[in-house]
Every structure is written in structure tokens, then in C-alpha cells.
PDB file of N, CA and C in Angstrom:
ATOM      1  N   MET A   1     -11.031  70.908 -54.073  1.00  0.00           N
ATOM      2  CA  MET A   1     -12.014  70.085 -53.407  1.00  0.00           C
ATOM      3  C   MET A   1     -13.421  70.480 -53.840  1.00  0.00           C
ATOM      4  N   SER A   2     -13.631  71.764 -54.060  1.00  0.00           N
ATOM      5  CA  SER A   2     -14.950  72.223 -54.479  1.00  0.00           C
ATOM      6  C   SER A   2     -15.349  71.635 -55.817  1.00  0.00           C
ATOM      7  N   ALA A   3     -14.388  71.498 -56.729  1.00  0.00           N
ATOM      8  CA  ALA A   3     -14.686  70.918 -58.037  1.00  0.00           C
ATOM      9  C   ALA A   3     -15.124  69.464 -57.888  1.00  0.00           C
ATOM     10  N   ALA A   4     -14.504  68.743 -56.978  1.00  0.00           N
ATOM     11  CA  ALA A   4     -14.879  67.346 -56.751  1.00  0.00           C
ATOM     12  C   ALA A   4     -16.292  67.252 -56.193  1.00  0.00           C
ATOM     13  N   VAL A   5     -16.640  68.166 -55.309  1.00  0.00           N
ATOM     14  CA  VAL A   5     -17.990  68.170 -54.745  1.00  0.00           C
ATOM     15  C   VAL A   5     -19.018  68.453 -55.829  1.00  0.00           C
ATOM     16  N   VAL A   6     -18.721  69.429 -56.678  1.00  0.00           N
ATOM     17  CA  VAL A   6     -19.652  69.783 -57.756  1.00  0.00           C
ATOM     18  C   VAL A   6     -19.843  68.598 -58.703  1.00  0.00           C
ATOM     19  N   ARG A   7     -18.739  67.917 -59.050  1.00  0.00           N
ATOM     20  CA  ARG A   7     -18.854  66.751 -59.939  1.00  0.00           C
ATOM     21  C   ARG A   7     -19.673  65.647 -59.295  1.00  0.00           C
ATOM     22  N   SER A   8     -19.441  65.393 -58.014  1.00  0.00           N
ATOM     23  CA  SER A   8     -20.186  64.311 -57.355  1.00  0.00           C
ATOM     24  C   SER A   8     -21.670  64.655 -57.243  1.00  0.00           C
ATOM     25  N   LEU A   9     -21.991  65.925 -57.035  1.00  0.00           N
ATOM     26  CA  LEU A   9     -23.393  66.327 -56.997  1.00  0.00           C
ATOM     27  C   LEU A   9     -24.040  66.185 -58.370  1.00  0.00           C
ATOM     28  N   ALA A  10     -23.293  66.473 -59.418  1.00  0.00           N
ATOM     29  CA  ALA A  10     -23.823  66.318 -60.772  1.00  0.00           C
ATOM     30  C   ALA A  10     -24.115  64.848 -61.065  1.00  0.00           C
ATOM     31  N   VAL A  11     -23.226  63.968 -60.636  1.00  0.00           N
ATOM     32  CA  VAL A  11     -23.447  62.530 -60.825  1.00  0.00           C
ATOM     33  C   VAL A  11     -24.663  62.084 -60.013  1.00  0.00           C
ATOM     34  N   ALA A  12     -24.798  62.593 -58.802  1.00  0.00           N
ATOM     35  CA  ALA A  12     -25.917  62.211 -57.944  1.00  0.00           C
ATOM     36  C   ALA A  12     -27.247  62.662 -58.533  1.00  0.00           C
ATOM     37  N   GLU A  13     -27.264  63.815 -59.191  1.00  0.00           N
ATOM     38  CA  GLU A  13     -28.499  64.302 -59.812  1.00  0.00           C
ATOM     39  C   GLU A  13     -29.007  63.338 -60.874  1.00  0.00           C
ATOM     40  N   SER A  14     -28.087  62.719 -61.591  1.00  0.00           N
ATOM     41  CA  SER A  14     -28.498  61.808 -62.665  1.00  0.00           C
ATOM     42  C   SER A  14     -28.786  60.398 -62.142  1.00  0.00           C
ATOM     43  N   SER A  15     -28.535  60.153 -60.882  1.00  0.00           N
ATOM     44  CA  SER A  15     -28.727  58.815 -60.330  1.00  0.00           C
ATOM     45  C   SER A  15     -29.462  58.888 -58.991  1.00  0.00           C
ATOM     46  N   PRO A  16     -30.789  58.779 -59.007  1.00  0.00           N
ATOM     47  CA  PRO A  16     -31.570  58.884 -57.762  1.00  0.00           C
ATOM     48  C   PRO A  16     -31.194  57.824 -56.725  1.00  0.00           C
ATOM     49  N   GLU A  17     -30.840  56.608 -57.196  1.00  0.00           N
ATOM     50  CA  GLU A  17     -30.484  55.586 -56.216  1.00  0.00           C
ATOM     51  C   GLU A  17     -29.170  55.920 -55.513  1.00  0.00           C
ATOM     52  N   LEU A  18     -28.283  56.643 -56.198  1.00  0.00           N
ATOM     53  CA  LEU A  18     -27.044  57.069 -55.566  1.00  0.00           C
ATOM     54  C   LEU A  18     -27.315  58.124 -54.495  1.00  0.00           C
ATOM     55  N   ARG A  19     -28.230  59.046 -54.791  1.00  0.00           N
ATOM     56  CA  ARG A  19     -28.578  60.091 -53.825  1.00  0.00           C
ATOM     57  C   ARG A  19     -29.072  59.506 -52.514  1.00  0.00           C
ATOM     58  N   SER A  20     -29.772  58.384 -52.573  1.00  0.00           N
ATOM     59  CA  SER A  20     -30.325  57.797 -51.357  1.00  0.00           C
ATOM     60  C   SER A  20     -29.381  56.778 -50.721  1.00  0.00           C
ATOM     61  N   SER A  21     -28.256  56.522 -51.353  1.00  0.00           N
ATOM     62  CA  SER A  21     -27.287  55.568 -50.828  1.00  0.00           C
ATOM     63  C   SER A  21     -26.676  56.095 -49.532  1.00  0.00           C
ATOM     64  N   GLU A  22     -26.577  55.226 -48.538  1.00  0.00           N
ATOM     65  CA  GLU A  22     -25.997  55.613 -47.250  1.00  0.00           C
ATOM     66  C   GLU A  22     -24.532  56.025 -47.407  1.00  0.00           C
ATOM     67  N   SER A  23     -23.809  55.363 -48.286  1.00  0.00           N
ATOM     68  CA  SER A  23     -22.403  55.716 -48.506  1.00  0.00           C
ATOM     69  C   SER A  23     -22.276  57.121 -49.077  1.00  0.00           C
ATOM     70  N   PHE A  24     -23.144  57.472 -50.022  1.00  0.00           N
ATOM     71  CA  PHE A  24     -23.093  58.795 -50.618  1.00  0.00           C
ATOM     72  C   PHE A  24     -23.480  59.859 -49.600  1.00  0.00           C
ATOM     73  N   LEU A  25     -24.504  59.568 -48.795  1.00  0.00           N
ATOM     74  CA  LEU A  25     -24.911  60.512 -47.757  1.00  0.00           C
ATOM     75  C   LEU A  25     -23.795  60.698 -46.730  1.00  0.00           C
ATOM     76  N   SER A  26     -23.116  59.605 -46.397  1.00  0.00           N
ATOM     77  CA  SER A  26     -21.995  59.673 -45.466  1.00  0.00           C
ATOM     78  C   SER A  26     -20.856  60.515 -46.058  1.00  0.00           C
ATOM     79  N   LEU A  27     -20.592  60.334 -47.350  1.00  0.00           N
ATOM     80  CA  LEU A  27     -19.571  61.132 -48.032  1.00  0.00           C
ATOM     81  C   LEU A  27     -19.921  62.617 -47.963  1.00  0.00           C
ATOM     82  N   GLY A  28     -21.173  62.940 -48.201  1.00  0.00           N
ATOM     83  CA  GLY A  28     -21.610  64.337 -48.141  1.00  0.00           C
ATOM     84  C   GLY A  28     -21.410  64.931 -46.761  1.00  0.00           C
ATOM     85  N   ARG A  29     -21.753  64.170 -45.729  1.00  0.00           N
ATOM     86  CA  ARG A  29     -21.555  64.653 -44.355  1.00  0.00           C
ATOM     87  C   ARG A  29     -20.076  64.848 -44.056  1.00  0.00           C
ATOM     88  N   GLU A  30     -19.256  63.905 -44.511  1.00  0.00           N
ATOM     89  CA  GLU A  30     -17.813  63.996 -44.263  1.00  0.00           C
ATOM     90  C   GLU A  30     -17.197  65.193 -44.994  1.00  0.00           C
ATOM     91  N   LEU A  31     -17.628  65.435 -46.237  1.00  0.00           N
ATOM     92  CA  LEU A  31     -17.129  66.604 -46.981  1.00  0.00           C
ATOM     93  C   LEU A  31     -17.525  67.900 -46.290  1.00  0.00           C
ATOM     94  N   SER A  32     -18.740  67.950 -45.802  1.00  0.00           N
ATOM     95  CA  SER A  32     -19.213  69.140 -45.100  1.00  0.00           C
ATOM     96  C   SER A  32     -18.406  69.360 -43.824  1.00  0.00           C
ATOM     97  N   ALA A  33     -18.153  68.293 -43.084  1.00  0.00           N
ATOM     98  CA  ALA A  33     -17.358  68.410 -41.857  1.00  0.00           C
ATOM     99  C   ALA A  33     -15.928  68.845 -42.175  1.00  0.00           C
ATOM    100  N   THR A  34     -15.366  68.329 -43.259  1.00  0.00           N
ATOM    101  CA  THR A  34     -14.006  68.706 -43.653  1.00  0.00           C
ATOM    102  C   THR A  34     -13.941  70.178 -44.019  1.00  0.00           C
ATOM    103  N   GLU A  35     -14.920  70.661 -44.757  1.00  0.00           N
ATOM    104  CA  GLU A  35     -14.954  72.080 -45.115  1.00  0.00           C
ATOM    105  C   GLU A  35     -15.078  72.944 -43.865  1.00  0.00           C
ATOM    106  N   ASP A  36     -15.863  72.499 -42.892  1.00  0.00           N
ATOM    107  CA  ASP A  36     -15.998  73.242 -41.640  1.00  0.00           C
ATOM    108  C   ASP A  36     -14.669  73.297 -40.883  1.00  0.00           C
ATOM    109  N   ARG A  37     -13.956  72.176 -40.854  1.00  0.00           N
ATOM    110  CA  ARG A  37     -12.663  72.139 -40.163  1.00  0.00           C
ATOM    111  C   ARG A  37     -11.648  73.046 -40.866  1.00  0.00           C
ATOM    112  N   LEU A  38     -11.662  73.044 -42.188  1.00  0.00           N
ATOM    113  CA  LEU A  38     -10.740  73.918 -42.934  1.00  0.00           C
ATOM    114  C   LEU A  38     -11.055  75.388 -42.679  1.00  0.00           C
ATOM    115  N   ALA A  39     -12.332  75.737 -42.667  1.00  0.00           N
ATOM    116  CA  ALA A  39     -12.716  77.128 -42.394  1.00  0.00           C
ATOM    117  C   ALA A  39     -12.296  77.528 -40.981  1.00  0.00           C
ATOM    118  N   SER A  40     -12.458  76.623 -40.041  1.00  0.00           N
ATOM    119  CA  SER A  40     -12.044  76.895 -38.668  1.00  0.00           C
ATOM    120  C   SER A  40     -10.525  77.100 -38.572  1.00  0.00           C
ATOM    121  N   ALA A  41      -9.770  76.274 -39.274  1.00  0.00           N
ATOM    122  CA  ALA A  41      -8.307  76.404 -39.265  1.00  0.00           C
ATOM    123  C   ALA A  41      -7.879  77.724 -39.903  1.00  0.00           C
ATOM    124  N   ARG A  42      -8.552  78.145 -40.979  1.00  0.00           N
ATOM    125  CA  ARG A  42      -8.231  79.437 -41.608  1.00  0.00           C
ATOM    126  C   ARG A  42      -8.507  80.585 -40.648  1.00  0.00           C
ATOM    127  N   ARG A  43      -9.642  80.523 -39.938  1.00  0.00           N
ATOM    128  CA  ARG A  43      -9.960  81.576 -38.970  1.00  0.00           C
ATOM    129  C   ARG A  43      -8.918  81.619 -37.853  1.00  0.00           C
ATOM    130  N   PHE A  44      -8.508  80.457 -37.361  1.00  0.00           N
ATOM    131  CA  PHE A  44      -7.496  80.379 -36.312  1.00  0.00           C
ATOM    132  C   PHE A  44      -6.179  80.978 -36.785  1.00  0.00           C
ATOM    133  N   TYR A  45      -5.753  80.583 -37.986  1.00  0.00           N
ATOM    134  CA  TYR A  45      -4.502  81.095 -38.555  1.00  0.00           C
ATOM    135  C   TYR A  45      -4.573  82.611 -38.709  1.00  0.00           C
ATOM    136  N   ASN A  46      -5.653  83.113 -39.293  1.00  0.00           N
ATOM    137  CA  ASN A  46      -5.775  84.548 -39.540  1.00  0.00           C
ATOM    138  C   ASN A  46      -5.881  85.342 -38.243  1.00  0.00           C
ATOM    139  N   ALA A  47      -6.468  84.768 -37.209  1.00  0.00           N
ATOM    140  CA  ALA A  47      -6.505  85.440 -35.902  1.00  0.00           C
ATOM    141  C   ALA A  47      -5.093  85.573 -35.346  1.00  0.00           C
ATOM    142  N   ASN A  48      -4.278  84.534 -35.522  1.00  0.00           N
ATOM    143  CA  ASN A  48      -2.889  84.596 -35.068  1.00  0.00           C
ATOM    144  C   ASN A  48      -2.070  85.573 -35.894  1.00  0.00           C
ATOM    145  N   VAL A  49      -2.321  85.637 -37.188  1.00  0.00           N
ATOM    146  CA  VAL A  49      -1.640  86.619 -38.044  1.00  0.00           C
ATOM    147  C   VAL A  49      -1.993  88.030 -37.583  1.00  0.00           C
ATOM    148  N   ARG A  50      -3.269  88.253 -37.288  1.00  0.00           N
ATOM    149  CA  ARG A  50      -3.698  89.572 -36.809  1.00  0.00           C
ATOM    150  C   ARG A  50      -2.963  89.931 -35.515  1.00  0.00           C
ATOM    151  N   GLU A  51      -2.841  88.978 -34.599  1.00  0.00           N
ATOM    152  CA  GLU A  51      -2.141  89.209 -33.333  1.00  0.00           C
ATOM    153  C   GLU A  51      -0.664  89.535 -33.564  1.00  0.00           C
ATOM    154  N   ILE A  52      -0.025  88.773 -34.446  1.00  0.00           N
ATOM    155  CA  ILE A  52       1.387  89.040 -34.761  1.00  0.00           C
ATOM    156  C   ILE A  52       1.536  90.438 -35.362  1.00  0.00           C
ATOM    157  N   ASN A  53       0.675  90.778 -36.308  1.00  0.00           N
ATOM    158  CA  ASN A  53       0.773  92.084 -36.965  1.00  0.00           C
ATOM    159  C   ASN A  53       0.579  93.232 -35.980  1.00  0.00           C
ATOM    160  N   VAL A  54      -0.333  93.062 -35.040  1.00  0.00           N
ATOM    161  CA  VAL A  54      -0.533  94.105 -34.023  1.00  0.00           C
ATOM    162  C   VAL A  54       0.734  94.266 -33.195  1.00  0.00           C
ATOM    163  N   ARG A  55       1.340  93.146 -32.801  1.00  0.00           N
ATOM    164  CA  ARG A  55       2.551  93.223 -31.982  1.00  0.00           C
ATOM    165  C   ARG A  55       3.738  93.794 -32.764  1.00  0.00           C
ATOM    166  N   VAL A  56       3.825  93.465 -34.046  1.00  0.00           N
ATOM    167  CA  VAL A  56       4.928  93.972 -34.878  1.00  0.00           C
ATOM    168  C   VAL A  56       4.798  95.484 -35.088  1.00  0.00           C
ATOM    169  N   GLU A  57       3.581  95.993 -35.067  1.00  0.00           N
ATOM    170  CA  GLU A  57       3.359  97.411 -35.371  1.00  0.00           C
ATOM    171  C   GLU A  57       3.191  98.284 -34.131  1.00  0.00           C
ATOM    172  N   THR A  58       3.065  97.690 -32.953  1.00  0.00           N
ATOM    173  CA  THR A  58       2.764  98.443 -31.742  1.00  0.00           C
ATOM    174  C   THR A  58       4.019  98.632 -30.894  1.00  0.00           C
ATOM    175  N   PHE A  59       4.218  99.859 -30.437  1.00  0.00           N
ATOM    176  CA  PHE A  59       5.333 100.172 -29.558  1.00  0.00           C
ATOM    177  C   PHE A  59       5.027  99.625 -28.174  1.00  0.00           C
ATOM    178  N   PRO A  60       5.919  99.038 -27.459  1.00  0.00           N
ATOM    179  CA  PRO A  60       7.348  98.854 -27.655  1.00  0.00           C
ATOM    180  C   PRO A  60       7.699  97.525 -28.322  1.00  0.00           C
ATOM    181  N   SER A  61       6.707  96.644 -28.495  1.00  0.00           N
ATOM    182  CA  SER A  61       7.032  95.340 -29.083  1.00  0.00           C
ATOM    183  C   SER A  61       7.541  95.467 -30.514  1.00  0.00           C
ATOM    184  N   SER A  62       7.227  96.564 -31.190  1.00  0.00           N
ATOM    185  CA  SER A  62       7.720  96.762 -32.554  1.00  0.00           C
ATOM    186  C   SER A  62       9.246  96.862 -32.585  1.00  0.00           C
ATOM    187  N   ILE A  63       9.828  97.402 -31.532  1.00  0.00           N
ATOM    188  CA  ILE A  63      11.294  97.506 -31.468  1.00  0.00           C
ATOM    189  C   ILE A  63      11.912  96.115 -31.380  1.00  0.00           C
ATOM    190  N   VAL A  64      11.363  95.287 -30.505  1.00  0.00           N
ATOM    191  CA  VAL A  64      11.862  93.920 -30.348  1.00  0.00           C
ATOM    192  C   VAL A  64      11.658  93.145 -31.643  1.00  0.00           C
ATOM    193  N   ALA A  65      10.500  93.330 -32.271  1.00  0.00           N
ATOM    194  CA  ALA A  65      10.211  92.630 -33.527  1.00  0.00           C
ATOM    195  C   ALA A  65      11.211  93.024 -34.606  1.00  0.00           C
ATOM    196  N   LYS A  66      11.493  94.302 -34.705  1.00  0.00           N
ATOM    197  CA  LYS A  66      12.434  94.775 -35.725  1.00  0.00           C
ATOM    198  C   LYS A  66      13.835  94.229 -35.468  1.00  0.00           C
ATOM    199  N   LEU A  67      14.272  94.246 -34.214  1.00  0.00           N
ATOM    200  CA  LEU A  67      15.595  93.731 -33.864  1.00  0.00           C
ATOM    201  C   LEU A  67      15.699  92.223 -34.086  1.00  0.00           C
ATOM    202  N   SER A  68      14.571  91.525 -33.954  1.00  0.00           N
ATOM    203  CA  SER A  68      14.555  90.065 -34.121  1.00  0.00           C
ATOM    204  C   SER A  68      14.284  89.631 -35.552  1.00  0.00           C
ATOM    205  N   GLY A  69      14.005  90.586 -36.427  1.00  0.00           N
ATOM    206  CA  GLY A  69      13.773  90.263 -37.827  1.00  0.00           C
ATOM    207  C   GLY A  69      12.339  89.882 -38.160  1.00  0.00           C
ATOM    208  N   PHE A  70      11.401  90.159 -37.254  1.00  0.00           N
ATOM    209  CA  PHE A  70       9.996  89.865 -37.525  1.00  0.00           C
ATOM    210  C   PHE A  70       9.398  90.965 -38.384  1.00  0.00           C
ATOM    211  N   SER A  71       8.461  90.587 -39.230  1.00  0.00           N
ATOM    212  CA  SER A  71       7.737  91.571 -40.036  1.00  0.00           C
ATOM    213  C   SER A  71       6.279  91.139 -40.114  1.00  0.00           C
ATOM    214  N   ARG A  72       5.496  91.975 -40.764  1.00  0.00           N
ATOM    215  CA  ARG A  72       4.066  91.656 -40.898  1.00  0.00           C
ATOM    216  C   ARG A  72       3.889  90.311 -41.596  1.00  0.00           C
ATOM    217  N   ALA A  73       2.909  89.552 -41.144  1.00  0.00           N
ATOM    218  CA  ALA A  73       2.571  88.275 -41.762  1.00  0.00           C
ATOM    219  C   ALA A  73       1.387  88.490 -42.707  1.00  0.00           C
ATOM    220  N   GLU A  74       1.254  87.602 -43.661  1.00  0.00           N
ATOM    221  CA  GLU A  74       0.158  87.691 -44.628  1.00  0.00           C
ATOM    222  C   GLU A  74      -1.006  86.808 -44.187  1.00  0.00           C
ATOM    223  N   TYR A  75      -2.215  87.318 -44.373  1.00  0.00           N
ATOM    224  CA  TYR A  75      -3.419  86.534 -44.099  1.00  0.00           C
ATOM    225  C   TYR A  75      -3.540  85.422 -45.131  1.00  0.00           C
ATOM    226  N   PHE A  76      -4.163  84.325 -44.717  1.00  0.00           N
ATOM    227  CA  PHE A  76      -4.452  83.251 -45.658  1.00  0.00           C
ATOM    228  C   PHE A  76      -5.718  83.620 -46.391  1.00  0.00           C
ATOM    229  N   GLU A  77      -5.647  83.585 -47.705  1.00  0.00           N
ATOM    230  CA  GLU A  77      -6.824  83.855 -48.527  1.00  0.00           C
ATOM    231  C   GLU A  77      -7.067  82.669 -49.421  1.00  0.00           C
ATOM    232  N   SER A  78      -8.251  82.099 -49.302  1.00  0.00           N
ATOM    233  CA  SER A  78      -8.630  80.948 -50.103  1.00  0.00           C
ATOM    234  C   SER A  78      -8.866  81.392 -51.534  1.00  0.00           C
ATOM    235  N   SER A  79      -8.316  80.632 -52.481  1.00  0.00           N
ATOM    236  CA  SER A  79      -8.498  80.998 -53.890  1.00  0.00           C
ATOM    237  C   SER A  79      -9.687  80.280 -54.509  1.00  0.00           C
ATOM    238  N   GLY A  80     -10.251  79.324 -53.808  1.00  0.00           N
ATOM    239  CA  GLY A  80     -11.367  78.572 -54.373  1.00  0.00           C
ATOM    240  C   GLY A  80     -12.556  78.607 -53.434  1.00  0.00           C
ATOM    241  N   GLY A  81     -13.546  77.824 -53.794  1.00  0.00           N
ATOM    242  CA  GLY A  81     -14.718  77.700 -52.947  1.00  0.00           C
ATOM    243  C   GLY A  81     -15.769  78.728 -53.266  1.00  0.00           C
ATOM    244  N   PRO A  82     -16.965  78.502 -52.769  1.00  0.00           N
ATOM    245  CA  PRO A  82     -18.072  79.385 -53.075  1.00  0.00           C
ATOM    246  C   PRO A  82     -17.906  80.782 -52.490  1.00  0.00           C
ATOM    247  N   GLU A  83     -17.184  80.897 -51.359  1.00  0.00           N
ATOM    248  CA  GLU A  83     -17.010  82.229 -50.778  1.00  0.00           C
ATOM    249  C   GLU A  83     -16.017  83.043 -51.567  1.00  0.00           C
ATOM    250  N   GLY A  84     -15.077  82.389 -52.260  1.00  0.00           N
ATOM    251  CA  GLY A  84     -14.169  83.041 -53.181  1.00  0.00           C
ATOM    252  C   GLY A  84     -13.203  84.035 -52.574  1.00  0.00           C
ATOM    253  N   GLY A  85     -13.038  84.037 -51.273  1.00  0.00           N
ATOM    254  CA  GLY A  85     -12.132  85.006 -50.687  1.00  0.00           C
ATOM    255  C   GLY A  85     -11.518  84.492 -49.415  1.00  0.00           C
ATOM    256  N   GLY A  86     -10.845  85.385 -48.752  1.00  0.00           N
ATOM    257  CA  GLY A  86     -10.154  85.021 -47.528  1.00  0.00           C
ATOM    258  C   GLY A  86     -11.074  85.055 -46.328  1.00  0.00           C
ATOM    259  N   ASP A  87     -10.510  84.687 -45.213  1.00  0.00           N
ATOM    260  CA  ASP A  87     -11.256  84.669 -43.970  1.00  0.00           C
ATOM    261  C   ASP A  87     -10.630  85.632 -42.982  1.00  0.00           C
ATOM    262  N   LYS A  88     -10.455  86.859 -43.375  1.00  0.00           N
ATOM    263  CA  LYS A  88      -9.884  87.853 -42.469  1.00  0.00           C
ATOM    264  C   LYS A  88     -10.926  88.211 -41.435  1.00  0.00           C
ATOM    265  N   GLU A  89     -10.498  88.188 -40.194  1.00  0.00           N
ATOM    266  CA  GLU A  89     -11.428  88.570 -39.127  1.00  0.00           C
ATOM    267  C   GLU A  89     -10.788  89.557 -38.213  1.00  0.00           C
TER     268      GLU A  89
END
């Protein structure tokens, strides 16, 4: 998605009338809102992973986790975007 944003910004730079177009401005706002929602979902997921990992490693819940086949979960790490990393919190 980041590559698409960069390409659209490059096109907008070469076309001043496009930059002022309401449709283009609306697209920019929508892309920004989508990125915010994705970042929020990553934070939510990683917070839940942290909670699971604490329970899997902490006595006495670690015994139940081991008997039930639960193990540590992996954090979601974004491979793209300007931040270039995960959202571990």
C-alpha cells in the first residue's frame, strides 16, 4: 500500500490540478484513515499476543497452557511502510 501512496504522490506532484482535486484530496484522507485503522489493529493484536505470552509463561496458568497445547505467540511485525518495523507494545 505504501508503494501505491508514493506513486500517487509522485503523479500529484507533476499535476497541480490533480493536487487540488476534491477526489484526490478525499483519496488522501481515506488512505490516511486506512493506515490509522491498520496501525490500531496491529496494536490490538500485539497487546493480545503479549497477554497470551504472559499467561503461557506465568505459573499456574503455564501448567494449563502446556497441558492444552498452547505456546508463545508471535508479534505481528510489518514488513513495509515508513516505520519499517513491528508495533510491539
